[in-house]
C-alpha atoms as a PDB file:
ATOM      1  CA  UNK A   1       9.352  12.640  30.921  1.00  0.00           C
ATOM      2  CA  UNK A   2       5.799  11.376  30.918  1.00  0.00           C
ATOM      3  CA  UNK A   3       4.770   8.446  33.052  1.00  0.00           C
ATOM      4  CA  UNK A   4       4.752   5.076  31.319  1.00  0.00           C
ATOM      5  CA  UNK A   5       1.549   3.155  30.871  1.00  0.00           C
ATOM      6  CA  UNK A   6       1.282  -0.270  32.501  1.00  0.00           C
ATOM      7  CA  UNK A   7       1.573  -1.805  29.018  1.00  0.00           C
ATOM      8  CA  UNK A   8       4.795   0.092  28.285  1.00  0.00           C
ATOM      9  CA  UNK A   9       6.294  -0.889  31.651  1.00  0.00           C
ATOM     10  CA  UNK A  10       5.384  -4.568  31.178  1.00  0.00           C
ATOM     11  CA  UNK A  11       6.719  -4.497  27.604  1.00  0.00           C
ATOM     12  CA  UNK A  12      10.014  -2.984  28.716  1.00  0.00           C
ATOM     13  CA  UNK A  13      10.449  -5.558  31.473  1.00  0.00           C
ATOM     14  CA  UNK A  14       9.629  -8.388  29.036  1.00  0.00           C
ATOM     15  CA  UNK A  15      12.216  -7.137  26.529  1.00  0.00           C
ATOM     16  CA  UNK A  16      14.875  -6.741  29.234  1.00  0.00           C
ATOM     17  CA  UNK A  17      14.092 -10.219  30.566  1.00  0.00           C
ATOM     18  CA  UNK A  18      14.415 -11.636  27.051  1.00  0.00           C
ATOM     19  CA  UNK A  19      17.737  -9.787  26.612  1.00  0.00           C
ATOM     20  CA  UNK A  20      19.078 -11.370  29.800  1.00  0.00           C
ATOM     21  CA  UNK A  21      17.985 -14.806  28.538  1.00  0.00           C
ATOM     22  CA  UNK A  22      19.803 -14.181  25.247  1.00  0.00           C
ATOM     23  CA  UNK A  23      22.916 -13.057  27.130  1.00  0.00           C
ATOM     24  CA  UNK A  24      22.813 -16.130  29.371  1.00  0.00           C
ATOM     25  CA  UNK A  25      22.455 -18.470  26.405  1.00  0.00           C
ATOM     26  CA  UNK A  26      24.964 -16.841  24.078  1.00  0.00           C
ATOM     27  CA  UNK A  27      27.604 -15.035  26.146  1.00  0.00           C
ATOM     28  CA  UNK A  28      27.524 -15.869  29.868  1.00  0.00           C
ATOM     29  CA  UNK A  29      29.858 -18.849  29.530  1.00  0.00           C
ATOM     30  CA  UNK A  30      32.426 -16.688  27.726  1.00  0.00           C
ATOM     31  CA  UNK A  31      32.411 -13.294  29.451  1.00  0.00           C
ATOM     32  CA  UNK A  32      31.369 -12.228  32.975  1.00  0.00           C
ATOM     33  CA  UNK A  33      28.196 -10.171  32.825  1.00  0.00           C
ATOM     34  CA  UNK A  34      29.719  -7.299  34.808  1.00  0.00           C
ATOM     35  CA  UNK A  35      32.271  -6.880  31.999  1.00  0.00           C
ATOM     36  CA  UNK A  36      29.798  -7.432  29.203  1.00  0.00           C
ATOM     37  CA  UNK A  37      28.291  -4.079  28.190  1.00  0.00           C
ATOM     38  CA  UNK A  38      28.877  -4.851  24.494  1.00  0.00           C
ATOM     39  CA  UNK A  39      27.200  -8.232  24.795  1.00  0.00           C
ATOM     40  CA  UNK A  40      24.346  -6.915  26.933  1.00  0.00           C
ATOM     41  CA  UNK A  41      23.670  -4.238  24.304  1.00  0.00           C
ATOM     42  CA  UNK A  42      23.768  -6.828  21.519  1.00  0.00           C
ATOM     43  CA  UNK A  43      21.402  -9.048  23.516  1.00  0.00           C
ATOM     44  CA  UNK A  44      19.039  -6.121  24.098  1.00  0.00           C
ATOM     45  CA  UNK A  45      19.052  -5.250  20.400  1.00  0.00           C
ATOM     46  CA  UNK A  46      18.074  -8.820  19.512  1.00  0.00           C
ATOM     47  CA  UNK A  47      15.321  -8.886  22.149  1.00  0.00           C
ATOM     48  CA  UNK A  48      14.051  -5.512  20.957  1.00  0.00           C
ATOM     49  CA  UNK A  49      14.040  -6.751  17.345  1.00  0.00           C
ATOM     50  CA  UNK A  50      12.033  -9.789  18.503  1.00  0.00           C
ATOM     51  CA  UNK A  51       9.496  -7.315  19.927  1.00  0.00           C
ATOM     52  CA  UNK A  52       9.379  -5.239  16.736  1.00  0.00           C
ATOM     53  CA  UNK A  53      11.626  -2.423  17.984  1.00  0.00           C
ATOM     54  CA  UNK A  54      14.623  -1.282  15.958  1.00  0.00           C
ATOM     55  CA  UNK A  55      17.522  -0.698  18.372  1.00  0.00           C
ATOM     56  CA  UNK A  56      21.022   0.357  17.395  1.00  0.00           C
ATOM     57  CA  UNK A  57      24.280  -0.368  19.137  1.00  0.00           C
ATOM     58  CA  UNK A  58      26.196   2.740  20.250  1.00  0.00           C
ATOM     59  CA  UNK A  59      29.624   2.980  21.831  1.00  0.00           C
ATOM     60  CA  UNK A  60      31.849   5.723  23.162  1.00  0.00           C
ATOM     61  CA  UNK A  61      32.445   7.471  26.463  1.00  0.00           C
ATOM     62  CA  UNK A  62      30.154   7.099  29.467  1.00  0.00           C
ATOM     63  CA  UNK A  63      30.341   8.414  33.023  1.00  0.00           C
ATOM     64  CA  UNK A  64      28.335   7.560  36.115  1.00  0.00           C
ATOM     65  CA  UNK A  65      28.317   9.699  39.247  1.00  0.00           C
ATOM     66  CA  UNK A  66      29.249   7.681  42.331  1.00  0.00           C
ATOM     67  CA  UNK A  67      29.828  10.369  44.979  1.00  0.00           C
ATOM     68  CA  UNK A  68      29.288  14.052  45.770  1.00  0.00           C
ATOM     69  CA  UNK A  69      31.839  16.609  44.667  1.00  0.00           C
ATOM     70  CA  UNK A  70      34.171  17.434  47.567  1.00  0.00           C
ATOM     71  CA  UNK A  71      36.440  19.556  45.387  1.00  0.00           C
ATOM     72  CA  UNK A  72      39.265  16.998  45.549  1.00  0.00           C
ATOM     73  CA  UNK A  73      38.118  13.447  44.761  1.00  0.00           C
ATOM     74  CA  UNK A  74      36.668  12.054  41.512  1.00  0.00           C
ATOM     75  CA  UNK A  75      32.898  12.163  41.259  1.00  0.00           C
ATOM     76  CA  UNK A  76      32.292   9.965  38.205  1.00  0.00           C
ATOM     77  CA  UNK A  77      33.374   6.502  37.131  1.00  0.00           C
ATOM     78  CA  UNK A  78      34.178   6.846  33.441  1.00  0.00           C
ATOM     79  CA  UNK A  79      34.898   4.686  30.434  1.00  0.00           C
ATOM     80  CA  UNK A  80      36.689   7.107  28.133  1.00  0.00           C
ATOM     81  CA  UNK A  81      37.057   6.297  24.483  1.00  0.00           C
ATOM     82  CA  UNK A  82      40.175   7.838  22.948  1.00  0.00           C
ATOM     83  CA  UNK A  83      40.882   7.116  19.278  1.00  0.00           C
ATOM     84  CA  UNK A  84      44.699   6.734  19.319  1.00  0.00           C
ATOM     85  CA  UNK A  85      45.014   4.199  22.163  1.00  0.00           C
ATOM     86  CA  UNK A  86      41.840   2.513  20.945  1.00  0.00           C
ATOM     87  CA  UNK A  87      43.376   1.880  17.517  1.00  0.00           C
ATOM     88  CA  UNK A  88      46.382   0.158  19.109  1.00  0.00           C
ATOM     89  CA  UNK A  89      44.258  -2.092  21.299  1.00  0.00           C
ATOM     90  CA  UNK A  90      41.877  -2.880  18.468  1.00  0.00           C
ATOM     91  CA  UNK A  91      44.761  -3.851  16.162  1.00  0.00           C
ATOM     92  CA  UNK A  92      45.849  -6.326  18.859  1.00  0.00           C
ATOM     93  CA  UNK A  93      42.394  -7.904  18.846  1.00  0.00           C
ATOM     94  CA  UNK A  94      41.365  -6.279  22.122  1.00  0.00           C
ATOM     95  CA  UNK A  95      38.254  -4.283  22.855  1.00  0.00           C
ATOM     96  CA  UNK A  96      39.413  -0.722  23.602  1.00  0.00           C
ATOM     97  CA  UNK A  97      38.261   1.213  26.644  1.00  0.00           C
ATOM     98  CA  UNK A  98      34.726   2.269  25.859  1.00  0.00           C
ATOM     99  CA  UNK A  99      31.196   1.787  27.020  1.00  0.00           C
ATOM    100  CA  UNK A 100      28.460   0.261  24.872  1.00  0.00           C
ATOM    101  CA  UNK A 101      24.704   0.749  25.066  1.00  0.00           C
ATOM    102  CA  UNK A 102      21.641   0.653  22.830  1.00  0.00           C
ATOM    103  CA  UNK A 103      19.668   3.449  21.226  1.00  0.00           C
ATOM    104  CA  UNK A 104      16.139   3.448  19.891  1.00  0.00           C
ATOM    105  CA  UNK A 105      16.197   6.118  17.218  1.00  0.00           C
ATOM    106  CA  UNK A 106      12.428   6.196  16.597  1.00  0.00           C
ATOM    107  CA  UNK A 107      11.675   7.169  20.199  1.00  0.00           C
ATOM    108  CA  UNK A 108      14.975   8.924  21.009  1.00  0.00           C
ATOM    109  CA  UNK A 109      15.673   6.542  23.896  1.00  0.00           C
ATOM    110  CA  UNK A 110      18.869   5.147  25.369  1.00  0.00           C
ATOM    111  CA  UNK A 111      18.984   1.679  26.937  1.00  0.00           C
ATOM    112  CA  UNK A 112      21.858   0.453  29.108  1.00  0.00           C
ATOM    113  CA  UNK A 113      21.513  -2.963  30.706  1.00  0.00           C
ATOM    114  CA  UNK A 114      24.898  -2.740  32.444  1.00  0.00           C
ATOM    115  CA  UNK A 115      24.165   0.003  34.980  1.00  0.00           C
ATOM    116  CA  UNK A 116      23.615  -2.591  37.697  1.00  0.00           C
ATOM    117  CA  UNK A 117      27.297  -3.573  37.461  1.00  0.00           C
ATOM    118  CA  UNK A 118      28.945  -0.145  37.469  1.00  0.00           C
ATOM    119  CA  UNK A 119      29.622  -0.061  41.222  1.00  0.00           C
ATOM    120  CA  UNK A 120      31.380  -3.436  41.001  1.00  0.00           C
ATOM    121  CA  UNK A 121      33.414  -2.278  37.994  1.00  0.00           C
ATOM    122  CA  UNK A 122      34.342   0.985  39.739  1.00  0.00           C
ATOM    123  CA  UNK A 123      35.593  -0.953  42.751  1.00  0.00           C
ATOM    124  CA  UNK A 124      37.528  -3.509  40.680  1.00  0.00           C
ATOM    125  CA  UNK A 125      39.034  -1.048  38.196  1.00  0.00           C
ATOM    126  CA  UNK A 126      39.665   2.055  40.296  1.00  0.00           C
ATOM    127  CA  UNK A 127      39.008   1.124  43.935  1.00  0.00           C
ATOM    128  CA  UNK A 128      36.073   3.568  44.070  1.00  0.00           C
ATOM    129  CA  UNK A 129      33.393   3.080  46.706  1.00  0.00           C
ATOM    130  CA  UNK A 130      29.937   3.927  45.397  1.00  0.00           C
ATOM    131  CA  UNK A 131      27.854   6.128  47.714  1.00  0.00           C
ATOM    132  CA  UNK A 132      24.459   4.495  48.362  1.00  0.00           C
ATOM    133  CA  UNK A 133      22.542   7.621  47.319  1.00  0.00           C
ATOM    134  CA  UNK A 134      24.054   7.332  43.835  1.00  0.00           C
ATOM    135  CA  UNK A 135      23.242   3.634  43.424  1.00  0.00           C
ATOM    136  CA  UNK A 136      22.197   3.004  39.844  1.00  0.00           C
ATOM    137  CA  UNK A 137      19.064   1.234  38.698  1.00  0.00           C
ATOM    138  CA  UNK A 138      19.543  -2.340  37.425  1.00  0.00           C
ATOM    139  CA  UNK A 139      19.066  -0.980  33.908  1.00  0.00           C
ATOM    140  CA  UNK A 140      18.402   2.341  32.276  1.00  0.00           C
ATOM    141  CA  UNK A 141      15.784   2.912  29.561  1.00  0.00           C
ATOM    142  CA  UNK A 142      15.233   6.629  29.231  1.00  0.00           C
ATOM    143  CA  UNK A 143      14.607   9.367  26.728  1.00  0.00           C
ATOM    144  CA  UNK A 144      17.593  11.448  25.733  1.00  0.00           C
ATOM    145  CA  UNK A 145      15.783  14.565  26.976  1.00  0.00           C
ATOM    146  CA  UNK A 146      15.598  13.011  30.464  1.00  0.00           C
ATOM    147  CA  UNK A 147      19.353  12.366  30.351  1.00  0.00           C
ATOM    148  CA  UNK A 148      19.998  16.032  29.605  1.00  0.00           C
ATOM    149  CA  UNK A 149      17.988  17.005  32.680  1.00  0.00           C
ATOM    150  CA  UNK A 150      19.649  14.675  35.195  1.00  0.00           C
ATOM    151  CA  UNK A 151      22.433  17.132  36.124  1.00  0.00           C
ATOM    152  CA  UNK A 152      25.281  15.092  34.660  1.00  0.00           C
ATOM    153  CA  UNK A 153      24.607  12.065  36.848  1.00  0.00           C
ATOM    154  CA  UNK A 154      24.752   9.924  33.717  1.00  0.00           C
ATOM    155  CA  UNK A 155      26.810  11.017  30.712  1.00  0.00           C
ATOM    156  CA  UNK A 156      26.784   9.154  27.402  1.00  0.00           C
ATOM    157  CA  UNK A 157      28.762  10.352  24.372  1.00  0.00           C
ATOM    158  CA  UNK A 158      28.467   8.139  21.310  1.00  0.00           C
ATOM    159  CA  UNK A 159      31.437   7.995  18.952  1.00  0.00           C
ATOM    160  CA  UNK A 160      31.254   6.667  15.374  1.00  0.00           C
ATOM    161  CA  UNK A 161      34.705   5.029  15.510  1.00  0.00           C
ATOM    162  CA  UNK A 162      33.969   3.387  18.862  1.00  0.00           C
ATOM    163  CA  UNK A 163      30.667   2.102  17.516  1.00  0.00           C
ATOM    164  CA  UNK A 164      32.337   0.664  14.405  1.00  0.00           C
ATOM    165  CA  UNK A 165      34.995  -1.021  16.579  1.00  0.00           C
ATOM    166  CA  UNK A 166      32.378  -2.459  18.919  1.00  0.00           C
ATOM    167  CA  UNK A 167      30.364  -3.864  15.999  1.00  0.00           C
ATOM    168  CA  UNK A 168      33.486  -5.368  14.402  1.00  0.00           C
ATOM    169  CA  UNK A 169      34.619  -6.844  17.727  1.00  0.00           C
ATOM    170  CA  UNK A 170      31.166  -8.350  18.280  1.00  0.00           C
ATOM    171  CA  UNK A 171      31.094  -9.867  14.802  1.00  0.00           C
ATOM    172  CA  UNK A 172      34.569 -11.349  15.259  1.00  0.00           C
ATOM    173  CA  UNK A 173      33.661 -12.616  18.737  1.00  0.00           C
ATOM    174  CA  UNK A 174      30.511 -14.307  17.436  1.00  0.00           C
ATOM    175  CA  UNK A 175      32.349 -15.766  14.446  1.00  0.00           C
ATOM    176  CA  UNK A 176      35.511 -17.024  16.150  1.00  0.00           C
ATOM    177  CA  UNK A 177      33.980 -18.117  19.457  1.00  0.00           C
ATOM    178  CA  UNK A 178      37.240 -17.212  21.217  1.00  0.00           C
ATOM    179  CA  UNK A 179      37.477 -15.650  24.647  1.00  0.00           C
ATOM    180  CA  UNK A 180      37.789 -11.843  24.286  1.00  0.00           C
ATOM    181  CA  UNK A 181      40.541  -9.847  25.959  1.00  0.00           C
ATOM    182  CA  UNK A 182      39.191  -7.018  28.059  1.00  0.00           C
END
């Protein structure tokens, strides 16, 4: 991955800052930010669009390494999308287990504004303690080639059904203004 120019770094920070403003205005009063990957991605996509960048919402399975492999204990905190249980939850108006992020097709980049909250989620959901050396950046904006080279520290697997469910859930959430079940 080549180094970013100062302009690119400033532009990225400005877009992320705008995305957080959008989230705060539109979603913060309805869903805690540490549970809001779908809404963070939607906010990023709007901020990117405002900056002339076409970003797409993607959803599916994602894993984040939180400790070294000792041969016994889990190494990754994972949101695993599985179609059958997802269909049941979705039919009940619930967002199925999945992770949601943004993709910039033109530059082959992935953007995830929720990485900052993964340690908190891992503790709340599974009781996992995150090792400091695996602490995630506040947000991830990387090329897909970089992801392939990071030795499985971050794993993102987009799924068409998960993406369609996430988009439908978001549309319903924005239309009905009801508190989501998660």
